[in-house]
Amino acid sequence: MQMLRQSWVIAVLLWCAVLASAAGNIWTRHRARELFVELERLGREQENLDITWGRLQLEQSAWSAHAHVESQAARRLRMRVPEAAAIKLVLP
């Protein structure tokens, strides 16, 4: 009788261990899928940010081009290049 009770307790413990192992396996796979989806989302976001960064660099190079700066100075600030005769050189 004692032997039957011990084997029954062992069987219940083994069944609980298998159940816990299965639940852990399911949770681990679910978490791995969630993390993979998050990784893919972050990869797409990084690609979009790289594209935006490239566009900003192109825009910055266009805004800092000499011809653009000169035209903005003439139009907005009414600056002009002086005549050669009006330029005076000051030496120390």
N, C-alpha and C. Protein backbone atom coordinates (compact mmCIF):
# COMPACT_ATOMS: atom_id res chain seq x y z
N MET A 1 0.81 -1.18 0.00
CA MET A 1 0.00 0.00 0.00
C MET A 1 0.87 1.26 0.00
N GLN A 2 1.88 1.25 0.85
CA GLN A 2 2.82 2.38 0.93
C GLN A 2 3.52 2.55 -0.42
N MET A 3 3.90 1.46 -1.05
CA MET A 3 4.59 1.51 -2.35
C MET A 3 3.67 2.09 -3.42
N LEU A 4 2.39 1.73 -3.39
CA LEU A 4 1.42 2.23 -4.35
C LEU A 4 1.21 3.74 -4.17
N ARG A 5 1.15 4.18 -2.94
CA ARG A 5 0.98 5.60 -2.65
C ARG A 5 2.20 6.40 -3.12
N GLN A 6 3.39 5.87 -2.90
CA GLN A 6 4.61 6.56 -3.34
C GLN A 6 4.67 6.65 -4.87
N SER A 7 4.31 5.57 -5.55
CA SER A 7 4.35 5.60 -7.01
C SER A 7 3.28 6.55 -7.55
N TRP A 8 2.13 6.65 -6.86
CA TRP A 8 1.10 7.58 -7.29
C TRP A 8 1.57 9.02 -7.11
N VAL A 9 2.23 9.32 -6.00
CA VAL A 9 2.77 10.66 -5.74
C VAL A 9 3.84 11.00 -6.78
N ILE A 10 4.68 10.04 -7.10
CA ILE A 10 5.72 10.27 -8.11
C ILE A 10 5.08 10.54 -9.47
N ALA A 11 4.04 9.78 -9.81
CA ALA A 11 3.35 9.98 -11.09
C ALA A 11 2.72 11.37 -11.15
N VAL A 12 2.09 11.81 -10.06
CA VAL A 12 1.49 13.14 -10.02
C VAL A 12 2.56 14.22 -10.14
N LEU A 13 3.67 14.05 -9.45
CA LEU A 13 4.76 15.02 -9.55
C LEU A 13 5.34 15.07 -10.95
N LEU A 14 5.52 13.91 -11.57
CA LEU A 14 6.03 13.89 -12.94
C LEU A 14 5.03 14.56 -13.90
N TRP A 15 3.73 14.29 -13.70
CA TRP A 15 2.72 14.91 -14.54
C TRP A 15 2.75 16.43 -14.38
N CYS A 16 2.89 16.91 -13.14
CA CYS A 16 2.99 18.36 -12.89
C CYS A 16 4.24 18.94 -13.53
N ALA A 17 5.34 18.20 -13.48
CA ALA A 17 6.58 18.68 -14.09
C ALA A 17 6.43 18.78 -15.60
N VAL A 18 5.79 17.78 -16.22
CA VAL A 18 5.57 17.81 -17.67
C VAL A 18 4.66 18.97 -18.03
N LEU A 19 3.60 19.17 -17.25
CA LEU A 19 2.68 20.28 -17.50
C LEU A 19 3.39 21.63 -17.36
N ALA A 20 4.19 21.78 -16.32
CA ALA A 20 4.94 23.03 -16.13
C ALA A 20 5.95 23.24 -17.26
N SER A 21 6.59 22.17 -17.69
CA SER A 21 7.55 22.27 -18.79
C SER A 21 6.85 22.68 -20.09
N ALA A 22 5.67 22.11 -20.34
CA ALA A 22 4.91 22.48 -21.55
C ALA A 22 4.48 23.94 -21.49
N ALA A 23 4.00 24.36 -20.32
CA ALA A 23 3.59 25.77 -20.18
C ALA A 23 4.78 26.70 -20.36
N GLY A 24 5.91 26.33 -19.81
CA GLY A 24 7.12 27.15 -19.99
C GLY A 24 7.56 27.21 -21.44
N ASN A 25 7.45 26.09 -22.14
CA ASN A 25 7.81 26.05 -23.55
C ASN A 25 6.88 26.94 -24.38
N ILE A 26 5.58 26.88 -24.09
CA ILE A 26 4.62 27.72 -24.81
C ILE A 26 4.89 29.19 -24.54
N TRP A 27 5.14 29.55 -23.29
CA TRP A 27 5.42 30.95 -22.95
C TRP A 27 6.70 31.42 -23.63
N THR A 28 7.73 30.56 -23.63
CA THR A 28 9.01 30.94 -24.24
C THR A 28 8.85 31.17 -25.74
N ARG A 29 8.12 30.29 -26.41
CA ARG A 29 7.91 30.48 -27.86
C ARG A 29 7.10 31.75 -28.14
N HIS A 30 6.08 32.00 -27.33
CA HIS A 30 5.27 33.21 -27.50
C HIS A 30 6.14 34.46 -27.31
N ARG A 31 6.94 34.45 -26.28
CA ARG A 31 7.82 35.61 -26.00
C ARG A 31 8.84 35.80 -27.12
N ALA A 32 9.36 34.69 -27.65
CA ALA A 32 10.32 34.78 -28.76
C ALA A 32 9.66 35.40 -29.98
N ARG A 33 8.41 35.01 -30.25
CA ARG A 33 7.69 35.60 -31.39
C ARG A 33 7.45 37.09 -31.17
N GLU A 34 7.06 37.46 -29.95
CA GLU A 34 6.86 38.88 -29.66
C GLU A 34 8.15 39.68 -29.87
N LEU A 35 9.26 39.13 -29.39
CA LEU A 35 10.54 39.83 -29.54
C LEU A 35 10.97 39.90 -31.00
N PHE A 36 10.67 38.86 -31.78
CA PHE A 36 11.01 38.88 -33.20
C PHE A 36 10.20 39.95 -33.93
N VAL A 37 8.91 40.05 -33.61
CA VAL A 37 8.06 41.09 -34.22
C VAL A 37 8.59 42.47 -33.85
N GLU A 38 8.97 42.65 -32.59
CA GLU A 38 9.53 43.93 -32.15
C GLU A 38 10.84 44.25 -32.87
N LEU A 39 11.68 43.23 -33.05
CA LEU A 39 12.94 43.42 -33.77
C LEU A 39 12.69 43.83 -35.22
N GLU A 40 11.73 43.19 -35.86
CA GLU A 40 11.39 43.55 -37.24
C GLU A 40 10.85 44.98 -37.31
N ARG A 41 10.02 45.38 -36.35
CA ARG A 41 9.48 46.74 -36.33
C ARG A 41 10.60 47.76 -36.16
N LEU A 42 11.54 47.45 -35.26
CA LEU A 42 12.67 48.36 -35.05
C LEU A 42 13.56 48.43 -36.28
N GLY A 43 13.70 47.31 -37.00
CA GLY A 43 14.47 47.32 -38.24
C GLY A 43 13.84 48.22 -39.29
N ARG A 44 12.51 48.13 -39.41
CA ARG A 44 11.81 49.01 -40.37
C ARG A 44 11.94 50.47 -39.96
N GLU A 45 11.84 50.73 -38.65
CA GLU A 45 11.98 52.10 -38.16
C GLU A 45 13.38 52.63 -38.43
N GLN A 46 14.39 51.78 -38.26
CA GLN A 46 15.76 52.19 -38.54
C GLN A 46 15.94 52.52 -40.02
N GLU A 47 15.36 51.70 -40.89
CA GLU A 47 15.45 51.98 -42.33
C GLU A 47 14.79 53.32 -42.66
N ASN A 48 13.62 53.58 -42.07
CA ASN A 48 12.95 54.86 -42.31
C ASN A 48 13.77 56.03 -41.79
N LEU A 49 14.39 55.85 -40.63
CA LEU A 49 15.23 56.93 -40.09
C LEU A 49 16.48 57.15 -40.95
N ASP A 50 17.05 56.07 -41.49
CA ASP A 50 18.19 56.22 -42.39
C ASP A 50 17.81 56.99 -43.65
N ILE A 51 16.62 56.70 -44.18
CA ILE A 51 16.14 57.42 -45.36
C ILE A 51 15.95 58.90 -45.03
N THR A 52 15.32 59.18 -43.89
CA THR A 52 15.11 60.57 -43.47
C THR A 52 16.44 61.27 -43.26
N TRP A 53 17.41 60.59 -42.64
CA TRP A 53 18.72 61.19 -42.42
C TRP A 53 19.40 61.53 -43.74
N GLY A 54 19.30 60.64 -44.70
CA GLY A 54 19.88 60.92 -46.02
C GLY A 54 19.24 62.12 -46.68
N ARG A 55 17.92 62.21 -46.57
CA ARG A 55 17.22 63.36 -47.14
C ARG A 55 17.63 64.66 -46.46
N LEU A 56 17.77 64.61 -45.13
CA LEU A 56 18.21 65.81 -44.41
C LEU A 56 19.62 66.22 -44.80
N GLN A 57 20.49 65.25 -45.01
CA GLN A 57 21.85 65.60 -45.44
C GLN A 57 21.84 66.25 -46.82
N LEU A 58 21.00 65.72 -47.72
CA LEU A 58 20.88 66.34 -49.05
C LEU A 58 20.33 67.75 -48.95
N GLU A 59 19.32 67.92 -48.11
CA GLU A 59 18.73 69.24 -47.93
C GLU A 59 19.75 70.21 -47.33
N GLN A 60 20.51 69.75 -46.36
CA GLN A 60 21.52 70.61 -45.75
C GLN A 60 22.58 71.02 -46.76
N SER A 61 23.00 70.09 -47.61
CA SER A 61 24.01 70.45 -48.60
C SER A 61 23.45 71.44 -49.63
N ALA A 62 22.15 71.31 -49.92
CA ALA A 62 21.54 72.25 -50.86
C ALA A 62 21.42 73.64 -50.24
N TRP A 63 21.03 73.69 -48.95
CA TRP A 63 20.88 74.98 -48.29
C TRP A 63 22.22 75.68 -48.06
N SER A 64 23.28 74.92 -47.92
CA SER A 64 24.57 75.54 -47.63
C SER A 64 25.40 75.77 -48.90
N ALA A 65 24.84 75.48 -50.06
CA ALA A 65 25.56 75.72 -51.30
C ALA A 65 25.81 77.22 -51.47
N HIS A 66 26.95 77.57 -52.03
CA HIS A 66 27.36 78.97 -52.15
C HIS A 66 26.32 79.80 -52.91
N ALA A 67 25.82 79.26 -53.99
CA ALA A 67 24.86 80.01 -54.81
C ALA A 67 23.57 80.28 -54.02
N HIS A 68 23.13 79.34 -53.23
CA HIS A 68 21.91 79.53 -52.45
C HIS A 68 22.12 80.59 -51.37
N VAL A 69 23.25 80.52 -50.69
CA VAL A 69 23.54 81.50 -49.63
C VAL A 69 23.64 82.90 -50.23
N GLU A 70 24.29 83.00 -51.37
CA GLU A 70 24.44 84.30 -52.01
C GLU A 70 23.09 84.85 -52.48
N SER A 71 22.24 84.02 -53.03
CA SER A 71 20.94 84.50 -53.49
C SER A 71 20.05 84.90 -52.31
N GLN A 72 20.12 84.17 -51.20
CA GLN A 72 19.33 84.52 -50.02
C GLN A 72 19.84 85.83 -49.41
N ALA A 73 21.15 86.02 -49.41
CA ALA A 73 21.71 87.27 -48.89
C ALA A 73 21.26 88.46 -49.74
N ALA A 74 21.22 88.27 -51.02
CA ALA A 74 20.80 89.36 -51.90
C ALA A 74 19.30 89.62 -51.77
N ARG A 75 18.51 88.57 -51.68
CA ARG A 75 17.05 88.74 -51.68
C ARG A 75 16.55 89.17 -50.30
N ARG A 76 16.93 88.48 -49.26
CA ARG A 76 16.36 88.78 -47.94
C ARG A 76 17.06 89.93 -47.22
N LEU A 77 18.38 90.00 -47.34
CA LEU A 77 19.13 91.01 -46.60
C LEU A 77 19.54 92.19 -47.47
N ARG A 78 19.23 92.10 -48.76
CA ARG A 78 19.60 93.14 -49.74
C ARG A 78 21.10 93.41 -49.73
N MET A 79 21.85 92.36 -49.58
CA MET A 79 23.32 92.47 -49.64
C MET A 79 23.74 92.35 -51.11
N ARG A 80 24.85 92.95 -51.43
CA ARG A 80 25.36 92.86 -52.79
C ARG A 80 26.88 92.80 -52.75
N VAL A 81 27.43 92.29 -53.80
CA VAL A 81 28.89 92.24 -53.93
C VAL A 81 29.35 93.63 -54.34
N PRO A 82 30.31 94.20 -53.60
CA PRO A 82 30.74 95.57 -53.94
C PRO A 82 31.55 95.59 -55.24
N GLU A 83 31.54 96.74 -55.84
CA GLU A 83 32.36 96.94 -57.06
C GLU A 83 33.83 96.85 -56.67
N ALA A 84 34.64 96.47 -57.60
CA ALA A 84 36.07 96.31 -57.32
C ALA A 84 36.70 97.64 -56.90
N ALA A 85 36.25 98.76 -57.46
CA ALA A 85 36.82 100.05 -57.12
C ALA A 85 36.44 100.48 -55.72
N ALA A 86 35.35 99.95 -55.17
CA ALA A 86 34.90 100.35 -53.84
C ALA A 86 35.58 99.55 -52.72
N ILE A 87 36.35 98.54 -53.09
CA ILE A 87 37.01 97.71 -52.08
C ILE A 87 38.30 98.38 -51.66
N LYS A 88 38.48 98.56 -50.37
CA LYS A 88 39.71 99.18 -49.83
C LYS A 88 40.40 98.14 -48.97
N LEU A 89 41.67 98.00 -49.13
CA LEU A 89 42.46 97.05 -48.37
C LEU A 89 43.11 97.77 -47.20
N VAL A 90 42.91 97.26 -46.01
CA VAL A 90 43.48 97.87 -44.81
C VAL A 90 44.57 96.96 -44.30
N LEU A 91 45.77 97.48 -44.21
CA LEU A 91 46.89 96.70 -43.72
C LEU A 91 47.19 97.08 -42.28
N PRO A 92 47.67 96.14 -41.48
CA PRO A 92 47.99 96.48 -40.07
C PRO A 92 49.18 97.37 -39.93
